[in-house]
Amino acid sequence: MSAAHPPKVAAVTGGSAGIGKVICEQLLAQGYEVVSLARRRTEIDHPRLHSIEVDLSDRAATGEAVREMVARHEVSTLVHNAGVIRAALLPDVKLDDLDALVDLHLGCAIQLLQAALPRMRQQRFGRVVLLSSRAALGLATRTSYSATKAGMLGMARTWALELAPEGITVNVVAPGPIRTDMFYDVVEQGSDKERQLAQSVPVRRLGESADVARAVGFFADPANSFVTGQVLYVCGGTSVGSLAL
């Protein structure tokens, strides 16, 4: 299949909830076949939606899942959205948590792209979007999270340089405070802290999953072949200044 008509098949990690679920819904609306890789089966009921249940922090299980994915689907677009925080101040940081986030945020991305890459190269087309975080710029209690989300930026830039001649773009979306279940694990919903945080964002509101999905859609668009190695902060302006959670 030529790059002029690439297969519209996308794999989305963490597609069962939050930002990942909205990304899946958006891609389905755009006519993609979508494969969700997540710990839980997605609740989206659609004939072009396929679920692979896997713990992506488990390297062996991830390897098995991605082999199944590429055996069944001609993946042309990868969106690595799955993530966890493991918040802790420096004295309480556990190296086991760091190892888990390295496997989930970085190792999983490598496994996914290594599996999909042969077919992308054959087609001379591919879109890779990594979901980092505004926390890559630094945030209290985020040692393991910030380190691994920042690692995504260097990794994406390296891949962008290596793969650009083959029609494969690699970009990063870095969300700020987005109203998801993961956000509410840290900030109580409806609390004064949530209201204060919203007022501290330059645009005076918290982000929604759809805000992030639109940015992912831009990078995933087959027409955007001249944009690679970039980081787009979807953060209401918080990457320009400070943010206190």
C-alpha atoms as a PDB file:
ATOM      1  CA  MET A   1       0.000   0.000   0.000  1.00  0.00           C
ATOM      2  CA  SER A   2       1.406   3.414  -0.924  1.00  0.00           C
ATOM      3  CA  ALA A   3       1.956   6.340   1.411  1.00  0.00           C
ATOM      4  CA  ALA A   4      -0.636   8.252  -0.643  1.00  0.00           C
ATOM      5  CA  HIS A   5      -3.301   5.932   0.774  1.00  0.00           C
ATOM      6  CA  PRO A   6      -1.951   4.705   4.128  1.00  0.00           C
ATOM      7  CA  PRO A   7      -4.004   2.211   6.091  1.00  0.00           C
ATOM      8  CA  LYS A   8      -6.090   4.000   8.710  1.00  0.00           C
ATOM      9  CA  VAL A   9      -5.285   1.668  11.580  1.00  0.00           C
ATOM     10  CA  ALA A  10      -4.335   3.172  14.937  1.00  0.00           C
ATOM     11  CA  ALA A  11      -3.151   1.562  18.158  1.00  0.00           C
ATOM     12  CA  VAL A  12      -3.903   3.530  21.327  1.00  0.00           C
ATOM     13  CA  THR A  13      -2.528   2.559  24.718  1.00  0.00           C
ATOM     14  CA  GLY A  14      -4.710   3.253  27.734  1.00  0.00           C
ATOM     15  CA  GLY A  15      -7.743   3.449  25.459  1.00  0.00           C
ATOM     16  CA  SER A  16     -10.268   2.253  28.023  1.00  0.00           C
ATOM     17  CA  ALA A  17     -10.668   5.494  29.999  1.00  0.00           C
ATOM     18  CA  GLY A  18      -9.900   9.198  30.210  1.00  0.00           C
ATOM     19  CA  ILE A  19      -7.860  10.819  27.470  1.00  0.00           C
ATOM     20  CA  GLY A  20      -7.202   7.492  25.735  1.00  0.00           C
ATOM     21  CA  LYS A  21     -10.887   6.692  25.406  1.00  0.00           C
ATOM     22  CA  VAL A  22     -11.611  10.095  23.845  1.00  0.00           C
ATOM     23  CA  ILE A  23      -8.683   9.648  21.444  1.00  0.00           C
ATOM     24  CA  CYS A  24     -10.146   6.290  20.396  1.00  0.00           C
ATOM     25  CA  GLU A  25     -13.572   7.861  19.850  1.00  0.00           C
ATOM     26  CA  GLN A  26     -12.081  10.668  17.766  1.00  0.00           C
ATOM     27  CA  LEU A  27     -10.073   8.289  15.573  1.00  0.00           C
ATOM     28  CA  LEU A  28     -13.119   6.077  15.056  1.00  0.00           C
ATOM     29  CA  ALA A  29     -15.108   9.144  13.976  1.00  0.00           C
ATOM     30  CA  GLN A  30     -12.359   9.848  11.432  1.00  0.00           C
ATOM     31  CA  GLY A  31     -12.733   6.393   9.933  1.00  0.00           C
ATOM     32  CA  TYR A  32      -9.834   4.608  11.604  1.00  0.00           C
ATOM     33  CA  GLU A  33      -9.703   0.996  12.706  1.00  0.00           C
ATOM     34  CA  VAL A  34      -8.623   1.342  16.351  1.00  0.00           C
ATOM     35  CA  VAL A  35      -6.851  -1.125  18.633  1.00  0.00           C
ATOM     36  CA  SER A  36      -7.007  -0.253  22.344  1.00  0.00           C
ATOM     37  CA  LEU A  37      -4.298  -1.752  24.561  1.00  0.00           C
ATOM     38  CA  ALA A  38      -5.210  -1.322  28.215  1.00  0.00           C
ATOM     39  CA  ARG A  39      -5.648  -3.214  31.469  1.00  0.00           C
ATOM     40  CA  ARG A  40      -9.403  -3.146  30.980  1.00  0.00           C
ATOM     41  CA  ARG A  41     -11.539  -3.720  27.937  1.00  0.00           C
ATOM     42  CA  THR A  42     -12.809  -0.442  26.544  1.00  0.00           C
ATOM     43  CA  GLU A  43     -16.523   0.264  26.887  1.00  0.00           C
ATOM     44  CA  ILE A  44     -16.678   1.755  23.394  1.00  0.00           C
ATOM     45  CA  ASP A  45     -19.071  -0.337  21.310  1.00  0.00           C
ATOM     46  CA  HIS A  46     -17.974   0.017  17.700  1.00  0.00           C
ATOM     47  CA  PRO A  47     -17.324  -2.510  14.924  1.00  0.00           C
ATOM     48  CA  ARG A  48     -13.926  -0.937  14.176  1.00  0.00           C
ATOM     49  CA  LEU A  49     -12.781  -0.944  17.812  1.00  0.00           C
ATOM     50  CA  HIS A  50     -10.676  -3.869  19.037  1.00  0.00           C
ATOM     51  CA  SER A  51      -9.489  -4.361  22.630  1.00  0.00           C
ATOM     52  CA  ILE A  52      -6.353  -6.117  23.814  1.00  0.00           C
ATOM     53  CA  GLU A  53      -6.259  -6.438  27.605  1.00  0.00           C
ATOM     54  CA  VAL A  54      -2.708  -6.118  28.896  1.00  0.00           C
ATOM     55  CA  ASP A  55      -0.731  -4.642  31.778  1.00  0.00           C
ATOM     56  CA  LEU A  56       1.658  -2.435  29.807  1.00  0.00           C
ATOM     57  CA  SER A  57       4.037  -2.102  32.764  1.00  0.00           C
ATOM     58  CA  ASP A  58       4.702  -5.854  32.401  1.00  0.00           C
ATOM     59  CA  ARG A  59       7.407  -6.139  29.758  1.00  0.00           C
ATOM     60  CA  ALA A  60       6.733  -9.770  28.870  1.00  0.00           C
ATOM     61  CA  ALA A  61       2.970  -9.286  28.676  1.00  0.00           C
ATOM     62  CA  THR A  62       3.451  -6.174  26.546  1.00  0.00           C
ATOM     63  CA  GLY A  63       5.694  -8.086  24.159  1.00  0.00           C
ATOM     64  CA  GLU A  64       3.035 -10.756  23.714  1.00  0.00           C
ATOM     65  CA  ALA A  65       0.287  -8.146  23.215  1.00  0.00           C
ATOM     66  CA  VAL A  66       2.179  -6.174  20.557  1.00  0.00           C
ATOM     67  CA  ARG A  67       2.983  -9.363  18.656  1.00  0.00           C
ATOM     68  CA  GLU A  68      -0.738 -10.172  18.661  1.00  0.00           C
ATOM     69  CA  MET A  69      -1.516  -6.607  17.567  1.00  0.00           C
ATOM     70  CA  VAL A  70       0.739  -6.585  14.498  1.00  0.00           C
ATOM     71  CA  ALA A  71      -0.257 -10.130  13.530  1.00  0.00           C
ATOM     72  CA  ARG A  72      -3.906  -9.057  13.316  1.00  0.00           C
ATOM     73  CA  HIS A  73      -3.715  -5.397  12.324  1.00  0.00           C
ATOM     74  CA  GLU A  74      -1.768  -3.329   9.784  1.00  0.00           C
ATOM     75  CA  VAL A  75      -0.947  -0.560  12.256  1.00  0.00           C
ATOM     76  CA  SER A  76       0.086   2.754  10.698  1.00  0.00           C
ATOM     77  CA  THR A  77      -0.495   5.060  13.680  1.00  0.00           C
ATOM     78  CA  LEU A  78       0.678   4.634  17.279  1.00  0.00           C
ATOM     79  CA  VAL A  79      -0.598   6.750  20.171  1.00  0.00           C
ATOM     80  CA  HIS A  80       1.138   5.917  23.451  1.00  0.00           C
ATOM     81  CA  ASN A  81      -1.160   7.450  26.042  1.00  0.00           C
ATOM     82  CA  ALA A  82      -1.074   4.988  28.972  1.00  0.00           C
ATOM     83  CA  GLY A  83       0.480   6.412  32.109  1.00  0.00           C
ATOM     84  CA  VAL A  84       0.440   6.504  35.890  1.00  0.00           C
ATOM     85  CA  ILE A  85       1.813   9.065  38.346  1.00  0.00           C
ATOM     86  CA  ARG A  86       3.209   7.369  41.520  1.00  0.00           C
ATOM     87  CA  ALA A  87       3.462  10.702  43.353  1.00  0.00           C
ATOM     88  CA  ALA A  88       6.027  11.006  46.170  1.00  0.00           C
ATOM     89  CA  LEU A  89       8.319  13.611  47.651  1.00  0.00           C
ATOM     90  CA  LEU A  90      11.993  12.832  47.125  1.00  0.00           C
ATOM     91  CA  PRO A  91      12.613  11.109  50.523  1.00  0.00           C
ATOM     92  CA  ASP A  92       9.731   8.718  49.793  1.00  0.00           C
ATOM     93  CA  VAL A  93      10.517   7.874  46.151  1.00  0.00           C
ATOM     94  CA  LYS A  94      10.673   4.115  45.603  1.00  0.00           C
ATOM     95  CA  LEU A  95      12.996   2.810  42.923  1.00  0.00           C
ATOM     96  CA  ASP A  96      10.473   0.080  42.166  1.00  0.00           C
ATOM     97  CA  ASP A  97       8.041   2.848  41.169  1.00  0.00           C
ATOM     98  CA  LEU A  98      10.694   4.391  38.933  1.00  0.00           C
ATOM     99  CA  ASP A  99      11.321   1.017  37.283  1.00  0.00           C
ATOM    100  CA  ALA A 100       7.582   0.538  36.684  1.00  0.00           C
ATOM    101  CA  LEU A 101       7.229   3.959  35.065  1.00  0.00           C
ATOM    102  CA  VAL A 102      10.318   3.414  32.898  1.00  0.00           C
ATOM    103  CA  ASP A 103       8.714   0.203  31.620  1.00  0.00           C
ATOM    104  CA  LEU A 104       5.307   1.823  31.085  1.00  0.00           C
ATOM    105  CA  HIS A 105       6.215   5.253  29.695  1.00  0.00           C
ATOM    106  CA  LEU A 106       9.426   4.411  27.814  1.00  0.00           C
ATOM    107  CA  GLY A 107       9.899   0.667  27.415  1.00  0.00           C
ATOM    108  CA  CYS A 108       6.342   0.093  26.240  1.00  0.00           C
ATOM    109  CA  ALA A 109       6.730   2.795  23.586  1.00  0.00           C
ATOM    110  CA  ILE A 110       9.886   1.117  22.300  1.00  0.00           C
ATOM    111  CA  GLN A 111       8.196  -2.281  22.171  1.00  0.00           C
ATOM    112  CA  LEU A 112       5.183  -0.881  20.322  1.00  0.00           C
ATOM    113  CA  LEU A 113       7.181   0.944  17.689  1.00  0.00           C
ATOM    114  CA  GLN A 114       9.672  -1.883  17.176  1.00  0.00           C
ATOM    115  CA  ALA A 115       6.727  -4.190  16.444  1.00  0.00           C
ATOM    116  CA  ALA A 116       4.923  -1.794  14.091  1.00  0.00           C
ATOM    117  CA  LEU A 117       8.015  -0.422  12.375  1.00  0.00           C
ATOM    118  CA  PRO A 118       8.588  -3.102   9.701  1.00  0.00           C
ATOM    119  CA  ARG A 119       5.147  -2.517   8.203  1.00  0.00           C
ATOM    120  CA  MET A 120       5.440   1.274   8.494  1.00  0.00           C
ATOM    121  CA  ARG A 121       8.746   1.090   6.640  1.00  0.00           C
ATOM    122  CA  GLN A 122       7.232  -1.126   3.996  1.00  0.00           C
ATOM    123  CA  GLN A 123       4.439   1.417   3.492  1.00  0.00           C
ATOM    124  CA  ARG A 124       6.832   4.369   3.836  1.00  0.00           C
ATOM    125  CA  PHE A 125       4.267   5.907   6.154  1.00  0.00           C
ATOM    126  CA  GLY A 126       3.744   6.108   9.909  1.00  0.00           C
ATOM    127  CA  ARG A 127       2.485   8.419  12.628  1.00  0.00           C
ATOM    128  CA  VAL A 128       3.744   8.119  16.203  1.00  0.00           C
ATOM    129  CA  VAL A 129       2.365  10.310  18.986  1.00  0.00           C
ATOM    130  CA  LEU A 130       3.671  10.012  22.542  1.00  0.00           C
ATOM    131  CA  LEU A 131       1.698  11.485  25.440  1.00  0.00           C
ATOM    132  CA  SER A 132       4.132  13.154  27.804  1.00  0.00           C
ATOM    133  CA  SER A 133       3.136  15.771  30.396  1.00  0.00           C
ATOM    134  CA  ARG A 134       3.634  19.367  31.387  1.00  0.00           C
ATOM    135  CA  ALA A 135       5.250  17.772  34.456  1.00  0.00           C
ATOM    136  CA  ALA A 136       8.273  16.994  32.262  1.00  0.00           C
ATOM    137  CA  LEU A 137       9.253  20.595  33.044  1.00  0.00           C
ATOM    138  CA  GLY A 138       9.271  19.759  36.759  1.00  0.00           C
ATOM    139  CA  LEU A 139       6.630  19.443  39.453  1.00  0.00           C
ATOM    140  CA  ALA A 140       6.866  18.661  43.164  1.00  0.00           C
ATOM    141  CA  THR A 141       6.171  14.996  44.086  1.00  0.00           C
ATOM    142  CA  ARG A 142       6.755  13.847  40.478  1.00  0.00           C
ATOM    143  CA  THR A 143      10.337  12.497  40.522  1.00  0.00           C
ATOM    144  CA  SER A 144       9.590   9.229  38.690  1.00  0.00           C
ATOM    145  CA  TYR A 145       6.764  10.624  36.586  1.00  0.00           C
ATOM    146  CA  SER A 146       8.598  13.770  35.470  1.00  0.00           C
ATOM    147  CA  ALA A 147      11.788  11.853  34.721  1.00  0.00           C
ATOM    148  CA  THR A 148      10.097   9.308  32.492  1.00  0.00           C
ATOM    149  CA  LYS A 149       7.774  11.809  30.815  1.00  0.00           C
ATOM    150  CA  ALA A 150      10.794  14.025  30.086  1.00  0.00           C
ATOM    151  CA  GLY A 151      12.558  10.963  28.701  1.00  0.00           C
ATOM    152  CA  MET A 152       9.806  10.701  26.103  1.00  0.00           C
ATOM    153  CA  LEU A 153      10.857  14.048  24.631  1.00  0.00           C
ATOM    154  CA  GLY A 154      14.421  12.983  23.905  1.00  0.00           C
ATOM    155  CA  MET A 155      13.282   9.598  22.682  1.00  0.00           C
ATOM    156  CA  ALA A 156      10.748  11.134  20.276  1.00  0.00           C
ATOM    157  CA  ARG A 157      13.268  13.596  18.856  1.00  0.00           C
ATOM    158  CA  THR A 158      15.742  10.778  18.265  1.00  0.00           C
ATOM    159  CA  TRP A 159      13.124   8.624  16.530  1.00  0.00           C
ATOM    160  CA  ALA A 160      11.986  11.608  14.470  1.00  0.00           C
ATOM    161  CA  LEU A 161      15.494  12.044  13.085  1.00  0.00           C
ATOM    162  CA  GLU A 162      15.989   8.344  12.422  1.00  0.00           C
ATOM    163  CA  LEU A 163      12.636   7.752  10.733  1.00  0.00           C
ATOM    164  CA  ALA A 164      11.934  10.997   8.861  1.00  0.00           C
ATOM    165  CA  PRO A 165      13.432   9.794   5.558  1.00  0.00           C
ATOM    166  CA  GLU A 166      10.971   6.883   5.585  1.00  0.00           C
ATOM    167  CA  GLY A 167       7.799   8.940   5.853  1.00  0.00           C
ATOM    168  CA  ILE A 168       7.342   8.264   9.575  1.00  0.00           C
ATOM    169  CA  THR A 169       6.750  11.227  11.886  1.00  0.00           C
ATOM    170  CA  VAL A 170       7.166  11.181  15.663  1.00  0.00           C
ATOM    171  CA  ASN A 171       5.724  13.907  17.877  1.00  0.00           C
ATOM    172  CA  VAL A 172       4.742  14.505  21.486  1.00  0.00           C
ATOM    173  CA  VAL A 173       1.649  15.948  23.133  1.00  0.00           C
ATOM    174  CA  ALA A 174       2.283  17.150  26.691  1.00  0.00           C
ATOM    175  CA  PRO A 175      -0.964  17.813  28.598  1.00  0.00           C
ATOM    176  CA  GLY A 176      -1.235  20.054  31.615  1.00  0.00           C
ATOM    177  CA  PRO A 177      -3.980  19.614  34.250  1.00  0.00           C
ATOM    178  CA  ILE A 178      -6.734  17.627  32.516  1.00  0.00           C
ATOM    179  CA  ARG A 179      -9.935  16.549  34.256  1.00  0.00           C
ATOM    180  CA  THR A 180      -9.562  12.757  34.229  1.00  0.00           C
ATOM    181  CA  ASP A 181      -9.837   9.989  36.827  1.00  0.00           C
ATOM    182  CA  MET A 182      -6.045  10.104  37.211  1.00  0.00           C
ATOM    183  CA  PHE A 183      -6.219  13.841  37.919  1.00  0.00           C
ATOM    184  CA  TYR A 184      -8.918  13.262  40.534  1.00  0.00           C
ATOM    185  CA  ASP A 185      -6.764  10.612  42.202  1.00  0.00           C
ATOM    186  CA  VAL A 186      -4.510  13.535  43.178  1.00  0.00           C
ATOM    187  CA  VAL A 187      -7.006  16.412  43.486  1.00  0.00           C
ATOM    188  CA  GLU A 188     -10.438  15.872  45.054  1.00  0.00           C
ATOM    189  CA  GLN A 189     -13.246  16.590  42.609  1.00  0.00           C
ATOM    190  CA  GLY A 190     -15.234  19.709  43.516  1.00  0.00           C
ATOM    191  CA  SER A 191     -12.718  20.730  46.175  1.00  0.00           C
ATOM    192  CA  ASP A 192     -11.334  24.192  46.886  1.00  0.00           C
ATOM    193  CA  LYS A 193      -8.002  22.869  45.641  1.00  0.00           C
ATOM    194  CA  GLU A 194      -9.532  22.060  42.260  1.00  0.00           C
ATOM    195  CA  ARG A 195     -11.076  25.548  41.994  1.00  0.00           C
ATOM    196  CA  GLN A 196      -7.834  27.231  43.033  1.00  0.00           C
ATOM    197  CA  LEU A 197      -5.896  25.178  40.512  1.00  0.00           C
ATOM    198  CA  ALA A 198      -8.288  26.150  37.717  1.00  0.00           C
ATOM    199  CA  GLN A 199      -7.819  29.818  38.604  1.00  0.00           C
ATOM    200  CA  SER A 200      -4.022  29.404  38.549  1.00  0.00           C
ATOM    201  CA  VAL A 201      -4.130  28.230  34.927  1.00  0.00           C
ATOM    202  CA  PRO A 202      -3.620  31.223  32.596  1.00  0.00           C
ATOM    203  CA  VAL A 203      -6.772  30.379  30.592  1.00  0.00           C
ATOM    204  CA  ARG A 204      -8.664  30.061  33.921  1.00  0.00           C
ATOM    205  CA  ARG A 205      -9.955  26.534  33.449  1.00  0.00           C
ATOM    206  CA  LEU A 206      -8.810  22.933  33.627  1.00  0.00           C
ATOM    207  CA  GLY A 207      -8.346  20.998  30.430  1.00  0.00           C
ATOM    208  CA  GLU A 208     -10.662  18.343  29.035  1.00  0.00           C
ATOM    209  CA  SER A 209      -9.714  15.078  27.365  1.00  0.00           C
ATOM    210  CA  ALA A 210     -11.055  16.439  24.074  1.00  0.00           C
ATOM    211  CA  ASP A 211      -8.483  19.263  24.202  1.00  0.00           C
ATOM    212  CA  VAL A 212      -5.722  16.664  24.175  1.00  0.00           C
ATOM    213  CA  ALA A 213      -7.402  14.438  21.590  1.00  0.00           C
ATOM    214  CA  ARG A 214      -7.543  17.331  19.115  1.00  0.00           C
ATOM    215  CA  ALA A 215      -3.784  17.844  19.445  1.00  0.00           C
ATOM    216  CA  VAL A 216      -3.177  14.123  18.942  1.00  0.00           C
ATOM    217  CA  GLY A 217      -5.398  14.275  15.853  1.00  0.00           C
ATOM    218  CA  PHE A 218      -3.225  17.027  14.385  1.00  0.00           C
ATOM    219  CA  PHE A 219      -0.032  14.983  14.697  1.00  0.00           C
ATOM    220  CA  ALA A 220      -1.754  11.782  13.532  1.00  0.00           C
ATOM    221  CA  ASP A 221      -3.166  13.393  10.381  1.00  0.00           C
ATOM    222  CA  PRO A 222      -1.617  11.763   7.286  1.00  0.00           C
ATOM    223  CA  ALA A 223      -1.464  15.228   5.666  1.00  0.00           C
ATOM    224  CA  ASN A 224       0.928  16.532   8.337  1.00  0.00           C
ATOM    225  CA  SER A 225       4.090  14.995   6.902  1.00  0.00           C
ATOM    226  CA  PHE A 226       6.240  18.114   7.465  1.00  0.00           C
ATOM    227  CA  VAL A 227       5.827  18.178  11.262  1.00  0.00           C
ATOM    228  CA  THR A 228       8.086  15.842  13.239  1.00  0.00           C
ATOM    229  CA  GLY A 229      10.152  15.884  16.413  1.00  0.00           C
ATOM    230  CA  GLN A 230       7.877  18.468  18.025  1.00  0.00           C
ATOM    231  CA  VAL A 231       6.340  18.832  21.489  1.00  0.00           C
ATOM    232  CA  LEU A 232       2.926  20.475  21.810  1.00  0.00           C
ATOM    233  CA  TYR A 233       1.938  21.512  25.346  1.00  0.00           C
ATOM    234  CA  VAL A 234      -1.833  21.326  25.786  1.00  0.00           C
ATOM    235  CA  CYS A 235      -1.765  22.994  29.152  1.00  0.00           C
ATOM    236  CA  GLY A 236      -3.733  26.238  29.207  1.00  0.00           C
ATOM    237  CA  GLY A 237      -0.479  28.191  29.351  1.00  0.00           C
ATOM    238  CA  THR A 238       0.961  26.473  32.446  1.00  0.00           C
ATOM    239  CA  SER A 239       4.148  25.490  30.597  1.00  0.00           C
ATOM    240  CA  VAL A 240       4.922  29.208  30.293  1.00  0.00           C
ATOM    241  CA  GLY A 241       4.722  29.812  34.039  1.00  0.00           C
ATOM    242  CA  SER A 242       4.545  27.881  37.288  1.00  0.00           C
ATOM    243  CA  LEU A 243       1.837  25.489  38.398  1.00  0.00           C
ATOM    244  CA  ALA A 244       1.231  24.474  41.995  1.00  0.00           C
ATOM    245  CA  LEU A 245      -0.885  21.385  42.664  1.00  0.00           C
END
